[in-house]
Amino acid sequence: MKNIDSAFRYIRGFTMLVILLCACICCFAMYWSFNVVNRLQDRVYVLAQGQALQATASGRKENLAAEARDHVRRFHELFFTLDPDEKSIQENLGKAMYLADGSAKKTYDNLREKDFYTQLIAANVNQSIRIDSIQIDIIVYPHFFRLYASQLIVRPTSQTTRSLVSQGSLRQISRSENNPHGFLIERWEIVENKDLKTQNRK
């Protein structure tokens, strides 16, 4: 009887050890499987010229500063890049209005009332912008930004360089085809816009 009792205790202890070991193996297998699935979901394969290229997906917070700067850059390039072509001007400004609130529309309306765009077309003037730097406060929401840039205004007989400083804030909204970064520029204003130099064209 003593042998049977000790054998039963031994088998019971061994069985409990096996069950505990199996539970640990199952938990580890599930944890490892979830990690593998999450890593695979973060991988995107892009087919380019018959070759599959791997792109890694990342969360919005990781790219917030880069996306915010690109949003501000894109808006200013659309708003201030003007050619003496009414259709091109309307197309660029139409795209820019999706990226900002009524403060940008107000600036556009003021310029239109002063016949700025009509005079630009009539005088065959084209305008381009070069972004020097964009400062954005990512910590505080809504994110305040200030942009430093220079404008190049080319007329038939002269070329003018102007400084441009603007500021505003960024509010996060849903992404869309017209607003891929998911930001909206609010309280946008031009702080400085003055001539730096003018030179005659040859």
N, C-alpha and C. Protein backbone atom coordinates (compact mmCIF):
# COMPACT_ATOMS: atom_id res chain seq x y z
N MET A 1 0.82 -1.21 0.00
CA MET A 1 0.00 0.00 0.00
C MET A 1 0.86 1.26 0.00
N LYS A 2 1.98 1.19 0.79
CA LYS A 2 2.88 2.35 0.82
C LYS A 2 3.49 2.60 -0.56
N ASN A 3 3.84 1.51 -1.24
CA ASN A 3 4.41 1.66 -2.59
C ASN A 3 3.39 2.27 -3.55
N ILE A 4 2.12 1.84 -3.43
CA ILE A 4 1.08 2.36 -4.32
C ILE A 4 0.86 3.84 -4.04
N ASP A 5 0.84 4.21 -2.75
CA ASP A 5 0.61 5.61 -2.38
C ASP A 5 1.74 6.52 -2.86
N SER A 6 2.99 6.08 -2.69
CA SER A 6 4.13 6.89 -3.15
C SER A 6 4.17 6.97 -4.67
N ALA A 7 3.80 5.87 -5.34
CA ALA A 7 3.76 5.88 -6.80
C ALA A 7 2.69 6.84 -7.30
N PHE A 8 1.54 6.87 -6.61
CA PHE A 8 0.47 7.78 -7.01
C PHE A 8 0.91 9.23 -6.84
N ARG A 9 1.59 9.52 -5.70
CA ARG A 9 2.07 10.89 -5.48
C ARG A 9 3.11 11.27 -6.54
N TYR A 10 3.96 10.32 -6.90
CA TYR A 10 4.98 10.57 -7.92
C TYR A 10 4.34 10.85 -9.28
N ILE A 11 3.35 10.02 -9.64
CA ILE A 11 2.67 10.20 -10.93
C ILE A 11 1.91 11.52 -10.93
N ARG A 12 1.26 11.86 -9.79
CA ARG A 12 0.51 13.11 -9.72
C ARG A 12 1.44 14.32 -9.86
N GLY A 13 2.57 14.27 -9.18
CA GLY A 13 3.54 15.36 -9.28
C GLY A 13 4.11 15.49 -10.69
N PHE A 14 4.40 14.34 -11.31
CA PHE A 14 4.94 14.36 -12.67
C PHE A 14 3.91 14.91 -13.66
N THR A 15 2.62 14.49 -13.45
CA THR A 15 1.55 14.97 -14.32
C THR A 15 1.37 16.48 -14.20
N MET A 16 1.40 16.99 -12.94
CA MET A 16 1.26 18.44 -12.74
C MET A 16 2.42 19.20 -13.39
N LEU A 17 3.63 18.63 -13.31
CA LEU A 17 4.79 19.26 -13.92
C LEU A 17 4.64 19.30 -15.44
N VAL A 18 4.15 18.20 -16.03
CA VAL A 18 3.95 18.14 -17.48
C VAL A 18 2.89 19.16 -17.91
N ILE A 19 1.77 19.24 -17.13
CA ILE A 19 0.70 20.19 -17.47
C ILE A 19 1.22 21.62 -17.38
N LEU A 20 1.99 21.92 -16.32
CA LEU A 20 2.55 23.26 -16.17
C LEU A 20 3.50 23.60 -17.31
N LEU A 21 4.33 22.64 -17.70
CA LEU A 21 5.26 22.84 -18.80
C LEU A 21 4.52 23.06 -20.12
N CYS A 22 3.46 22.30 -20.37
CA CYS A 22 2.65 22.47 -21.58
C CYS A 22 1.98 23.85 -21.62
N ALA A 23 1.48 24.29 -20.44
CA ALA A 23 0.85 25.61 -20.37
C ALA A 23 1.86 26.71 -20.68
N CYS A 24 3.09 26.57 -20.15
CA CYS A 24 4.13 27.56 -20.43
C CYS A 24 4.48 27.59 -21.91
N ILE A 25 4.59 26.39 -22.51
CA ILE A 25 4.92 26.31 -23.94
C ILE A 25 3.80 26.94 -24.77
N CYS A 26 2.54 26.67 -24.40
CA CYS A 26 1.41 27.25 -25.14
C CYS A 26 1.40 28.77 -25.03
N CYS A 27 1.63 29.30 -23.82
CA CYS A 27 1.66 30.75 -23.63
C CYS A 27 2.78 31.39 -24.45
N PHE A 28 3.96 30.75 -24.43
CA PHE A 28 5.08 31.28 -25.20
C PHE A 28 4.78 31.25 -26.70
N ALA A 29 4.16 30.13 -27.16
CA ALA A 29 3.83 30.01 -28.58
C ALA A 29 2.83 31.08 -29.01
N MET A 30 1.82 31.34 -28.16
CA MET A 30 0.83 32.37 -28.49
C MET A 30 1.48 33.76 -28.51
N TYR A 31 2.32 34.04 -27.52
CA TYR A 31 3.00 35.34 -27.47
C TYR A 31 3.88 35.55 -28.69
N TRP A 32 4.64 34.52 -29.06
CA TRP A 32 5.52 34.60 -30.22
C TRP A 32 4.72 34.75 -31.51
N SER A 33 3.59 34.05 -31.61
CA SER A 33 2.74 34.13 -32.81
C SER A 33 2.16 35.53 -32.97
N PHE A 34 1.68 36.12 -31.86
CA PHE A 34 1.14 37.48 -31.94
C PHE A 34 2.21 38.47 -32.37
N ASN A 35 3.42 38.30 -31.86
CA ASN A 35 4.52 39.20 -32.26
C ASN A 35 4.83 39.07 -33.75
N VAL A 36 4.86 37.84 -34.22
CA VAL A 36 5.14 37.61 -35.65
C VAL A 36 4.06 38.24 -36.52
N VAL A 37 2.78 38.06 -36.12
CA VAL A 37 1.67 38.62 -36.88
C VAL A 37 1.74 40.14 -36.90
N ASN A 38 2.05 40.74 -35.74
CA ASN A 38 2.15 42.21 -35.68
C ASN A 38 3.28 42.73 -36.56
N ARG A 39 4.42 42.01 -36.55
CA ARG A 39 5.54 42.43 -37.40
C ARG A 39 5.19 42.30 -38.87
N LEU A 40 4.46 41.25 -39.23
CA LEU A 40 4.08 41.06 -40.63
C LEU A 40 3.06 42.10 -41.08
N GLN A 41 2.19 42.54 -40.16
CA GLN A 41 1.20 43.56 -40.51
C GLN A 41 1.86 44.91 -40.75
N ASP A 42 3.02 45.15 -40.16
CA ASP A 42 3.73 46.41 -40.33
C ASP A 42 4.54 46.44 -41.63
N ARG A 43 4.52 45.37 -42.38
CA ARG A 43 5.27 45.33 -43.63
C ARG A 43 4.33 45.46 -44.81
N VAL A 44 4.72 46.33 -45.70
CA VAL A 44 3.94 46.54 -46.92
C VAL A 44 4.89 46.32 -48.08
N TYR A 45 4.44 45.56 -49.05
CA TYR A 45 5.26 45.29 -50.23
C TYR A 45 4.70 46.07 -51.41
N VAL A 46 5.58 46.85 -52.03
CA VAL A 46 5.20 47.68 -53.17
C VAL A 46 5.84 47.09 -54.42
N LEU A 47 5.04 46.91 -55.44
CA LEU A 47 5.53 46.36 -56.70
C LEU A 47 5.93 47.50 -57.61
N ALA A 48 7.22 47.58 -57.91
CA ALA A 48 7.74 48.66 -58.77
C ALA A 48 8.62 48.06 -59.84
N GLN A 49 8.22 48.21 -61.09
CA GLN A 49 8.97 47.71 -62.23
C GLN A 49 9.29 46.22 -62.11
N GLY A 50 8.29 45.46 -61.68
CA GLY A 50 8.44 44.02 -61.59
C GLY A 50 9.17 43.52 -60.36
N GLN A 51 9.58 44.41 -59.47
CA GLN A 51 10.28 44.00 -58.25
C GLN A 51 9.45 44.37 -57.03
N ALA A 52 9.41 43.46 -56.06
CA ALA A 52 8.69 43.71 -54.81
C ALA A 52 9.63 44.38 -53.82
N LEU A 53 9.27 45.59 -53.43
CA LEU A 53 10.06 46.35 -52.47
C LEU A 53 9.30 46.42 -51.16
N GLN A 54 10.03 46.23 -50.06
CA GLN A 54 9.39 46.24 -48.75
C GLN A 54 9.37 47.65 -48.16
N ALA A 55 8.19 48.06 -47.71
CA ALA A 55 8.05 49.34 -47.00
C ALA A 55 7.54 49.03 -45.61
N THR A 56 8.02 49.76 -44.63
CA THR A 56 7.63 49.51 -43.25
C THR A 56 6.61 50.54 -42.81
N ALA A 57 5.49 50.07 -42.28
CA ALA A 57 4.46 50.98 -41.77
C ALA A 57 4.83 51.42 -40.36
N SER A 58 4.43 52.63 -40.00
CA SER A 58 4.71 53.14 -38.66
C SER A 58 3.53 53.97 -38.18
N GLY A 59 3.46 54.17 -36.89
CA GLY A 59 2.38 54.93 -36.30
C GLY A 59 2.49 56.41 -36.63
N ARG A 60 1.35 57.12 -36.48
CA ARG A 60 1.33 58.54 -36.82
C ARG A 60 2.25 59.35 -35.91
N LYS A 61 2.33 58.98 -34.64
CA LYS A 61 3.14 59.75 -33.70
C LYS A 61 4.61 59.75 -34.09
N GLU A 62 5.07 58.66 -34.68
CA GLU A 62 6.48 58.56 -35.06
C GLU A 62 6.82 59.54 -36.19
N ASN A 63 5.85 59.83 -37.05
CA ASN A 63 6.11 60.70 -38.21
C ASN A 63 5.37 62.03 -38.11
N LEU A 64 4.89 62.37 -36.92
CA LEU A 64 4.06 63.57 -36.77
C LEU A 64 4.79 64.83 -37.22
N ALA A 65 6.02 65.00 -36.76
CA ALA A 65 6.77 66.22 -37.10
C ALA A 65 7.02 66.31 -38.60
N ALA A 66 7.42 65.19 -39.22
CA ALA A 66 7.71 65.19 -40.66
C ALA A 66 6.45 65.46 -41.48
N GLU A 67 5.33 64.84 -41.08
CA GLU A 67 4.08 65.06 -41.81
C GLU A 67 3.58 66.49 -41.65
N ALA A 68 3.73 67.04 -40.44
CA ALA A 68 3.30 68.42 -40.20
C ALA A 68 4.11 69.39 -41.05
N ARG A 69 5.42 69.20 -41.10
CA ARG A 69 6.26 70.09 -41.93
C ARG A 69 5.90 69.97 -43.40
N ASP A 70 5.67 68.75 -43.85
CA ASP A 70 5.33 68.56 -45.27
C ASP A 70 3.97 69.18 -45.60
N HIS A 71 3.05 69.13 -44.64
CA HIS A 71 1.74 69.75 -44.85
C HIS A 71 1.88 71.27 -45.01
N VAL A 72 2.65 71.88 -44.11
CA VAL A 72 2.88 73.32 -44.17
C VAL A 72 3.61 73.69 -45.46
N ARG A 73 4.62 72.90 -45.81
CA ARG A 73 5.37 73.14 -47.05
C ARG A 73 4.46 73.05 -48.27
N ARG A 74 3.63 72.02 -48.32
CA ARG A 74 2.75 71.80 -49.47
C ARG A 74 1.75 72.95 -49.63
N PHE A 75 1.18 73.40 -48.52
CA PHE A 75 0.21 74.50 -48.59
C PHE A 75 0.86 75.76 -49.15
N HIS A 76 2.04 76.11 -48.64
CA HIS A 76 2.69 77.34 -49.09
C HIS A 76 3.16 77.23 -50.54
N GLU A 77 3.61 76.07 -50.96
CA GLU A 77 4.00 75.89 -52.35
C GLU A 77 2.80 76.06 -53.28
N LEU A 78 1.65 75.53 -52.88
CA LEU A 78 0.45 75.68 -53.71
C LEU A 78 -0.05 77.12 -53.72
N PHE A 79 -0.01 77.77 -52.57
CA PHE A 79 -0.57 79.11 -52.44
C PHE A 79 0.30 80.17 -53.13
N PHE A 80 1.63 80.00 -53.09
CA PHE A 80 2.52 81.05 -53.58
C PHE A 80 3.21 80.72 -54.90
N THR A 81 3.01 79.53 -55.44
CA THR A 81 3.56 79.22 -56.77
C THR A 81 2.51 79.58 -57.81
N LEU A 82 2.75 80.68 -58.52
CA LEU A 82 1.76 81.22 -59.45
C LEU A 82 2.39 81.46 -60.81
N ASP A 83 1.70 81.05 -61.84
CA ASP A 83 2.10 81.29 -63.23
C ASP A 83 1.04 82.17 -63.88
N PRO A 84 1.39 82.88 -64.94
CA PRO A 84 0.41 83.75 -65.61
C PRO A 84 -0.61 82.93 -66.41
N ASP A 85 -1.32 82.09 -65.72
CA ASP A 85 -2.30 81.21 -66.34
C ASP A 85 -3.45 81.06 -65.34
N GLU A 86 -4.62 81.55 -65.70
CA GLU A 86 -5.75 81.56 -64.77
C GLU A 86 -6.14 80.16 -64.32
N LYS A 87 -6.11 79.21 -65.24
CA LYS A 87 -6.48 77.84 -64.89
C LYS A 87 -5.49 77.23 -63.90
N SER A 88 -4.19 77.48 -64.11
CA SER A 88 -3.17 76.96 -63.21
C SER A 88 -3.29 77.58 -61.82
N ILE A 89 -3.58 78.89 -61.77
CA ILE A 89 -3.74 79.58 -60.49
C ILE A 89 -4.93 79.01 -59.73
N GLN A 90 -6.05 78.85 -60.40
CA GLN A 90 -7.25 78.33 -59.75
C GLN A 90 -7.04 76.90 -59.27
N GLU A 91 -6.32 76.12 -60.05
CA GLU A 91 -6.07 74.72 -59.66
C GLU A 91 -5.20 74.65 -58.40
N ASN A 92 -4.12 75.44 -58.37
CA ASN A 92 -3.24 75.44 -57.20
C ASN A 92 -3.95 75.96 -55.96
N LEU A 93 -4.66 77.08 -56.10
CA LEU A 93 -5.34 77.66 -54.94
C LEU A 93 -6.49 76.78 -54.48
N GLY A 94 -7.14 76.10 -55.40
CA GLY A 94 -8.20 75.16 -55.01
C GLY A 94 -7.66 74.03 -54.15
N LYS A 95 -6.50 73.50 -54.52
CA LYS A 95 -5.87 72.45 -53.72
C LYS A 95 -5.41 72.99 -52.36
N ALA A 96 -4.91 74.22 -52.36
CA ALA A 96 -4.42 74.82 -51.11
C ALA A 96 -5.55 75.04 -50.12
N MET A 97 -6.75 75.35 -50.59
CA MET A 97 -7.86 75.64 -49.69
C MET A 97 -8.31 74.41 -48.90
N TYR A 98 -8.02 73.21 -49.41
CA TYR A 98 -8.34 72.00 -48.66
C TYR A 98 -7.42 71.82 -47.45
N LEU A 99 -6.28 72.50 -47.46
CA LEU A 99 -5.27 72.29 -46.42
C LEU A 99 -5.34 73.33 -45.30
N ALA A 100 -6.22 74.32 -45.43
CA ALA A 100 -6.29 75.40 -44.44
C ALA A 100 -7.74 75.80 -44.22
N ASP A 101 -7.96 76.57 -43.15
CA ASP A 101 -9.32 77.01 -42.83
C ASP A 101 -9.63 78.35 -43.49
N GLY A 102 -10.61 79.07 -42.95
CA GLY A 102 -11.05 80.31 -43.54
C GLY A 102 -10.04 81.44 -43.53
N SER A 103 -9.00 81.32 -42.70
CA SER A 103 -7.98 82.37 -42.68
C SER A 103 -7.23 82.44 -44.00
N ALA A 104 -6.99 81.30 -44.64
CA ALA A 104 -6.34 81.30 -45.96
C ALA A 104 -7.30 81.81 -47.03
N LYS A 105 -8.56 81.44 -46.91
CA LYS A 105 -9.57 81.93 -47.86
C LYS A 105 -9.71 83.44 -47.76
N LYS A 106 -9.60 83.98 -46.55
CA LYS A 106 -9.69 85.43 -46.36
C LYS A 106 -8.54 86.14 -47.05
N THR A 107 -7.32 85.59 -46.92
CA THR A 107 -6.16 86.17 -47.59
C THR A 107 -6.33 86.11 -49.10
N TYR A 108 -6.81 84.99 -49.60
CA TYR A 108 -7.05 84.84 -51.03
C TYR A 108 -8.07 85.85 -51.53
N ASP A 109 -9.17 86.02 -50.78
CA ASP A 109 -10.21 86.97 -51.18
C ASP A 109 -9.68 88.40 -51.20
N ASN A 110 -8.84 88.75 -50.22
CA ASN A 110 -8.26 90.09 -50.19
C ASN A 110 -7.38 90.35 -51.41
N LEU A 111 -6.56 89.35 -51.79
CA LEU A 111 -5.71 89.49 -52.97
C LEU A 111 -6.54 89.59 -54.25
N ARG A 112 -7.60 88.81 -54.30
CA ARG A 112 -8.45 88.84 -55.50
C ARG A 112 -9.18 90.17 -55.63
N GLU A 113 -9.63 90.74 -54.51
CA GLU A 113 -10.30 92.04 -54.54
C GLU A 113 -9.37 93.15 -55.00
N LYS A 114 -8.07 92.98 -54.71
CA LYS A 114 -7.08 93.97 -55.15
C LYS A 114 -6.61 93.71 -56.58
N ASP A 115 -7.25 92.76 -57.26
CA ASP A 115 -6.90 92.37 -58.64
C ASP A 115 -5.46 91.88 -58.76
N PHE A 116 -4.97 91.26 -57.70
CA PHE A 116 -3.59 90.76 -57.72
C PHE A 116 -3.40 89.70 -58.80
N TYR A 117 -4.32 88.75 -58.88
CA TYR A 117 -4.16 87.65 -59.82
C TYR A 117 -4.39 88.12 -61.26
N THR A 118 -5.31 89.05 -61.44
CA THR A 118 -5.56 89.60 -62.78
C THR A 118 -4.34 90.35 -63.29
N GLN A 119 -3.74 91.15 -62.42
CA GLN A 119 -2.54 91.90 -62.80
C GLN A 119 -1.36 90.97 -63.07
N LEU A 120 -1.27 89.89 -62.29
CA LEU A 120 -0.19 88.93 -62.49
C LEU A 120 -0.28 88.28 -63.87
N ILE A 121 -1.51 87.94 -64.28
CA ILE A 121 -1.71 87.33 -65.60
C ILE A 121 -1.45 88.35 -66.70
N ALA A 122 -1.97 89.57 -66.52
CA ALA A 122 -1.83 90.60 -67.56
C ALA A 122 -0.37 91.01 -67.76
N ALA A 123 0.42 90.99 -66.69
CA ALA A 123 1.82 91.42 -66.79
C ALA A 123 2.77 90.26 -67.07
N ASN A 124 2.25 89.05 -67.26
CA ASN A 124 3.08 87.87 -67.52
C ASN A 124 4.13 87.66 -66.43
N VAL A 125 3.67 87.69 -65.18
CA VAL A 125 4.55 87.51 -64.02
C VAL A 125 4.37 86.10 -63.49
N ASN A 126 5.49 85.46 -63.16
CA ASN A 126 5.37 84.18 -62.46
C ASN A 126 6.12 84.26 -61.14
N GLN A 127 5.59 83.54 -60.18
CA GLN A 127 6.08 83.63 -58.81
C GLN A 127 6.35 82.22 -58.28
N SER A 128 7.48 82.05 -57.63
CA SER A 128 7.82 80.77 -57.02
C SER A 128 8.30 81.01 -55.59
N ILE A 129 8.35 79.95 -54.81
CA ILE A 129 8.73 80.06 -53.40
C ILE A 129 9.80 79.03 -53.08
N ARG A 130 10.73 79.43 -52.21
CA ARG A 130 11.75 78.51 -51.71
C ARG A 130 11.66 78.50 -50.19
N ILE A 131 11.36 77.34 -49.63
CA ILE A 131 11.22 77.21 -48.18
C ILE A 131 12.61 77.13 -47.54
N ASP A 132 12.87 78.02 -46.60
CA ASP A 132 14.15 77.98 -45.89
C ASP A 132 14.07 77.10 -44.65
N SER A 133 13.07 77.30 -43.82
CA SER A 133 12.91 76.48 -42.62
C SER A 133 11.47 76.55 -42.13
N ILE A 134 11.07 75.48 -41.42
CA ILE A 134 9.74 75.40 -40.82
C ILE A 134 9.92 74.97 -39.37
N GLN A 135 9.46 75.79 -38.45
CA GLN A 135 9.54 75.47 -37.03
C GLN A 135 8.14 75.08 -36.55
N ILE A 136 8.04 73.91 -35.89
CA ILE A 136 6.75 73.41 -35.42
C ILE A 136 6.89 72.94 -33.98
N ASP A 137 5.95 73.33 -33.14
CA ASP A 137 5.90 72.88 -31.75
C ASP A 137 5.01 71.65 -31.70
N ILE A 138 5.63 70.48 -31.66
CA ILE A 138 4.88 69.23 -31.67
C ILE A 138 4.31 68.90 -30.29
N ILE A 139 4.92 69.42 -29.25
CA ILE A 139 4.51 69.06 -27.88
C ILE A 139 3.14 69.66 -27.55
N VAL A 140 2.94 70.93 -27.88
CA VAL A 140 1.68 71.61 -27.55
C VAL A 140 0.68 71.45 -28.69
N TYR A 141 -0.57 71.14 -28.33
CA TYR A 141 -1.63 70.98 -29.34
C TYR A 141 -2.67 72.07 -29.16
N PRO A 142 -3.16 72.73 -30.21
CA PRO A 142 -2.76 72.57 -31.61
C PRO A 142 -1.33 73.06 -31.84
N HIS A 143 -0.68 72.47 -32.83
CA HIS A 143 0.75 72.68 -33.06
C HIS A 143 1.00 74.01 -33.76
N PHE A 144 1.70 74.90 -33.07
CA PHE A 144 2.05 76.20 -33.65
C PHE A 144 3.21 76.02 -34.63
N PHE A 145 3.17 76.75 -35.75
CA PHE A 145 4.27 76.68 -36.72
C PHE A 145 4.63 78.08 -37.18
N ARG A 146 5.86 78.20 -37.60
CA ARG A 146 6.34 79.44 -38.25
C ARG A 146 7.21 79.02 -39.42
N LEU A 147 6.96 79.63 -40.57
CA LEU A 147 7.68 79.30 -41.80
C LEU A 147 8.50 80.50 -42.26
N TYR A 148 9.73 80.21 -42.65
CA TYR A 148 10.63 81.21 -43.23
C TYR A 148 10.92 80.80 -44.67
N ALA A 149 10.67 81.71 -45.58
CA ALA A 149 10.86 81.37 -47.00
C ALA A 149 11.23 82.64 -47.77
N SER A 150 11.56 82.44 -49.03
CA SER A 150 11.81 83.56 -49.93
C SER A 150 11.04 83.34 -51.22
N GLN A 151 10.53 84.43 -51.77
CA GLN A 151 9.77 84.38 -53.00
C GLN A 151 10.60 84.97 -54.14
N LEU A 152 10.47 84.36 -55.27
CA LEU A 152 11.12 84.87 -56.49
C LEU A 152 10.02 85.28 -57.46
N ILE A 153 9.95 86.58 -57.75
CA ILE A 153 8.93 87.12 -58.66
C ILE A 153 9.63 87.56 -59.94
N VAL A 154 9.32 86.88 -61.02
CA VAL A 154 9.97 87.13 -62.30
C VAL A 154 9.01 87.88 -63.22
N ARG A 155 9.41 89.10 -63.59
CA ARG A 155 8.67 89.91 -64.54
C ARG A 155 9.43 89.92 -65.87
N PRO A 156 8.81 90.39 -66.95
CA PRO A 156 9.51 90.41 -68.25
C PRO A 156 10.82 91.19 -68.22
N THR A 157 10.93 92.22 -67.38
CA THR A 157 12.14 93.06 -67.40
C THR A 157 12.95 93.00 -66.10
N SER A 158 12.39 92.43 -65.04
CA SER A 158 13.10 92.42 -63.75
C SER A 158 12.79 91.16 -62.96
N GLN A 159 13.57 90.97 -61.92
CA GLN A 159 13.42 89.81 -61.04
C GLN A 159 13.55 90.29 -59.59
N THR A 160 12.54 90.01 -58.77
CA THR A 160 12.51 90.49 -57.39
C THR A 160 12.52 89.32 -56.42
N THR A 161 13.33 89.45 -55.39
CA THR A 161 13.36 88.47 -54.31
C THR A 161 12.73 89.10 -53.08
N ARG A 162 11.76 88.38 -52.51
CA ARG A 162 11.06 88.87 -51.32
C ARG A 162 11.21 87.88 -50.18
N SER A 163 11.22 88.38 -48.97
CA SER A 163 11.22 87.51 -47.80
C SER A 163 9.77 87.20 -47.42
N LEU A 164 9.55 86.02 -46.89
CA LEU A 164 8.21 85.62 -46.48
C LEU A 164 8.29 84.91 -45.14
N VAL A 165 7.56 85.41 -44.17
CA VAL A 165 7.43 84.77 -42.85
C VAL A 165 5.95 84.65 -42.56
N SER A 166 5.50 83.43 -42.31
CA SER A 166 4.09 83.22 -41.97
C SER A 166 3.99 82.31 -40.76
N GLN A 167 2.85 82.33 -40.12
CA GLN A 167 2.66 81.50 -38.94
C GLN A 167 1.20 81.09 -38.82
N GLY A 168 0.96 80.10 -37.99
CA GLY A 168 -0.39 79.59 -37.77
C GLY A 168 -0.32 78.39 -36.86
N SER A 169 -1.38 77.63 -36.84
CA SER A 169 -1.41 76.41 -36.02
C SER A 169 -1.99 75.27 -36.83
N LEU A 170 -1.69 74.06 -36.41
CA LEU A 170 -2.13 72.86 -37.11
C LEU A 170 -3.08 72.06 -36.21
N ARG A 171 -4.24 71.74 -36.77
CA ARG A 171 -5.19 70.87 -36.07
C ARG A 171 -5.29 69.56 -36.83
N GLN A 172 -5.33 68.45 -36.09
CA GLN A 172 -5.41 67.13 -36.73
C GLN A 172 -6.86 66.84 -37.10
N ILE A 173 -7.03 66.38 -38.35
CA ILE A 173 -8.35 65.97 -38.85
C ILE A 173 -8.19 64.64 -39.57
N SER A 174 -9.29 64.13 -40.09
CA SER A 174 -9.23 62.86 -40.81
C SER A 174 -8.49 63.04 -42.14
N ARG A 175 -7.76 62.02 -42.53
CA ARG A 175 -7.07 62.04 -43.83
C ARG A 175 -8.08 61.87 -44.95
N SER A 176 -7.77 62.47 -46.08
CA SER A 176 -8.62 62.32 -47.25
C SER A 176 -7.75 62.42 -48.49
N GLU A 177 -8.35 62.22 -49.63
CA GLU A 177 -7.60 62.33 -50.89
C GLU A 177 -7.09 63.75 -51.11
N ASN A 178 -7.89 64.73 -50.70
CA ASN A 178 -7.49 66.13 -50.85
C ASN A 178 -6.59 66.61 -49.73
N ASN A 179 -6.56 65.88 -48.62
CA ASN A 179 -5.74 66.26 -47.47
C ASN A 179 -5.08 65.01 -46.91
N PRO A 180 -4.04 64.50 -47.58
CA PRO A 180 -3.46 63.21 -47.20
C PRO A 180 -2.75 63.21 -45.85
N HIS A 181 -2.29 64.37 -45.37
CA HIS A 181 -1.58 64.39 -44.10
C HIS A 181 -2.53 64.45 -42.89
N GLY A 182 -3.76 64.84 -43.11
CA GLY A 182 -4.71 64.89 -42.01
C GLY A 182 -4.47 66.05 -41.06
N PHE A 183 -4.06 67.19 -41.60
CA PHE A 183 -3.89 68.42 -40.80
C PHE A 183 -4.71 69.54 -41.44
N LEU A 184 -5.07 70.52 -40.62
CA LEU A 184 -5.74 71.72 -41.11
C LEU A 184 -5.04 72.93 -40.51
N ILE A 185 -4.59 73.83 -41.39
CA ILE A 185 -3.92 75.05 -40.94
C ILE A 185 -4.99 76.05 -40.47
N GLU A 186 -4.81 76.54 -39.24
CA GLU A 186 -5.75 77.49 -38.66
C GLU A 186 -5.02 78.79 -38.30
N ARG A 187 -5.80 79.89 -38.26
CA ARG A 187 -5.27 81.19 -37.85
C ARG A 187 -3.98 81.53 -38.60
N TRP A 188 -4.00 81.29 -39.90
CA TRP A 188 -2.81 81.54 -40.72
C TRP A 188 -2.69 83.02 -41.03
N GLU A 189 -1.51 83.55 -40.88
CA GLU A 189 -1.26 84.95 -41.18
C GLU A 189 0.15 85.14 -41.73
N ILE A 190 0.31 86.13 -42.58
CA ILE A 190 1.61 86.49 -43.13
C ILE A 190 2.21 87.57 -42.23
N VAL A 191 3.30 87.23 -41.57
CA VAL A 191 3.93 88.14 -40.62
C VAL A 191 4.82 89.14 -41.34
N GLU A 192 5.52 88.68 -42.37
CA GLU A 192 6.44 89.56 -43.10
C GLU A 192 6.46 89.16 -44.56
N ASN A 193 6.45 90.15 -45.43
CA ASN A 193 6.56 89.90 -46.87
C ASN A 193 7.07 91.19 -47.52
N LYS A 194 8.38 91.31 -47.58
CA LYS A 194 8.99 92.56 -48.08
C LYS A 194 10.06 92.26 -49.11
N ASP A 195 10.33 93.26 -49.96
CA ASP A 195 11.35 93.12 -51.00
C ASP A 195 12.74 93.08 -50.38
N LEU A 196 13.56 92.16 -50.89
CA LEU A 196 14.97 92.10 -50.47
C LEU A 196 15.87 92.70 -51.54
N LYS A 197 15.61 92.35 -52.78
CA LYS A 197 16.42 92.92 -53.87
C LYS A 197 15.68 92.79 -55.19
N THR A 198 15.99 93.70 -56.09
CA THR A 198 15.42 93.68 -57.44
C THR A 198 16.56 93.89 -58.42
N GLN A 199 16.58 93.06 -59.43
CA GLN A 199 17.63 93.19 -60.45
C GLN A 199 17.00 93.07 -61.83
N ASN A 200 17.60 93.77 -62.76
CA ASN A 200 17.11 93.75 -64.15
C ASN A 200 17.49 92.45 -64.82
N ARG A 201 16.61 92.00 -65.68
CA ARG A 201 16.87 90.78 -66.46
C ARG A 201 17.55 91.14 -67.76
N LYS A 202 18.45 90.31 -68.17
CA LYS A 202 19.14 90.53 -69.43
C LYS A 202 18.38 89.91 -70.57
